[in-house]
Protein backbone atom coordinates (compact mmCIF):
# COMPACT_ATOMS: atom_id res chain seq x y z
CA MET A 1 3.19 26.36 52.47
CA HIS A 2 1.90 28.33 49.51
CA MET A 3 1.81 31.95 48.41
CA ASP A 4 -0.41 33.41 45.73
CA THR A 5 0.77 35.74 43.00
CA GLY A 6 -0.67 38.81 44.75
CA GLU A 7 1.15 38.04 48.01
CA LEU A 8 4.39 37.45 46.13
CA LYS A 9 4.25 40.98 44.71
CA GLY A 10 4.59 42.25 48.28
CA HIS A 11 8.03 40.61 48.43
CA LYS A 12 9.55 42.39 45.40
CA HIS A 13 12.44 43.67 47.48
CA ASP A 14 13.10 40.43 49.38
CA THR A 15 15.71 37.97 48.19
CA ILE A 16 14.54 34.55 47.04
CA SER A 17 17.37 32.25 48.11
CA LEU A 18 16.31 29.38 45.86
CA LEU A 19 13.82 29.05 43.02
CA GLU A 20 13.02 25.43 42.18
CA ILE A 21 11.35 24.79 38.84
CA VAL A 22 9.65 21.45 39.33
CA SER A 23 8.70 19.43 36.26
CA MET A 24 5.22 17.97 36.51
CA GLU A 25 5.11 14.92 34.23
CA GLY A 26 7.48 16.69 31.83
CA ARG A 27 4.67 18.86 30.48
CA TYR A 28 4.04 21.58 33.04
CA TYR A 29 6.27 23.29 35.54
CA MET A 30 5.55 24.48 39.07
CA ALA A 31 7.48 27.13 41.00
CA ARG A 32 8.70 26.41 44.51
CA PHE A 33 10.70 29.18 46.16
CA TYR A 34 12.32 30.02 49.48
CA LEU A 35 12.05 33.33 51.36
CA ALA A 36 13.82 33.62 54.73
CA GLU A 37 14.36 29.83 54.74
CA GLN A 38 10.61 29.17 54.38
CA GLY A 39 9.47 27.24 51.30
CA TYR A 40 6.42 28.19 49.25
CA VAL A 41 4.61 26.88 46.20
CA LEU A 42 3.38 29.67 43.90
CA THR A 43 -0.42 29.53 43.59
CA ASP A 44 -3.14 31.45 41.81
CA VAL A 45 -5.83 33.45 43.64
CA TYR A 46 -7.82 30.21 44.13
CA ASP A 47 -4.88 28.53 45.95
CA LYS A 48 -4.24 26.14 43.06
CA PRO A 49 -0.58 25.66 42.08
CA LEU A 50 0.29 27.97 39.19
CA LEU A 51 1.49 25.83 36.28
CA PHE A 52 3.75 27.09 33.50
CA ASN A 53 4.30 25.68 30.01
CA GLY A 54 8.08 25.65 30.31
CA ALA A 55 11.00 26.17 32.66
CA CYS A 56 11.86 29.43 30.89
CA ALA A 57 8.34 30.72 31.55
CA VAL A 58 8.91 30.26 35.30
CA ARG A 59 12.26 32.00 35.10
CA ASP A 60 10.69 34.87 33.13
CA TYR A 61 7.91 35.21 35.71
CA PHE A 62 10.52 35.75 38.45
CA HIS A 63 12.59 38.13 36.30
CA ASP A 64 11.82 41.20 38.45
CA TYR A 65 12.74 39.43 41.70
CA GLN A 66 16.17 38.99 43.26
CA VAL A 67 16.83 35.23 42.95
CA ASP A 68 20.14 33.89 44.25
CA ARG A 69 19.92 30.41 42.73
CA THR A 70 17.59 28.63 40.28
CA GLU A 71 17.37 24.86 39.80
CA VAL A 72 15.23 22.69 37.53
CA ILE A 73 14.02 19.45 39.08
CA PRO A 74 13.21 17.01 36.25
CA PRO A 75 11.05 13.90 36.75
CA THR A 76 12.72 10.54 37.09
CA GLY A 77 11.68 7.58 34.98
CA THR A 78 10.56 5.53 37.99
CA ASP A 79 8.40 8.24 39.59
CA GLU A 80 5.32 7.04 37.78
CA MET A 81 5.88 3.27 37.91
CA ILE A 82 3.30 1.54 40.05
CA GLY A 83 4.69 -0.87 42.58
CA MET A 84 8.25 0.43 42.43
CA PRO A 85 9.93 0.66 45.83
CA ASP A 86 10.70 4.12 47.10
CA SER A 87 14.29 4.84 46.17
CA SER A 88 16.40 6.72 48.65
CA SER A 89 18.41 8.38 45.90
CA GLU A 90 18.63 12.13 45.93
CA THR A 91 16.54 14.15 43.47
CA MET A 92 18.41 15.33 40.40
CA ARG A 93 18.79 19.11 40.24
CA VAL A 94 19.95 21.07 37.20
CA PRO A 95 21.23 24.63 37.75
CA LEU A 96 19.63 27.17 35.43
């Protein structure tokens, strides 16, 4: 699911249990967050994922919200290799 920035403002007093800062090709970062065990991708008013220039920019955006836990999910080296078999290894997560 997704939630735009305007909708998110309506949840100022709700607790975000997990904020995931997902690296997109190591250049941009996307915010994925969980409210009441439901996951959302933060989007703009046009329903396009909101991209940030750095992990700290995502964290700063959520500064006024109650966030229990924040994790950065970096890309893996094989994510972009064509023809590589799908690995069943768990995604690396870095607490922030």
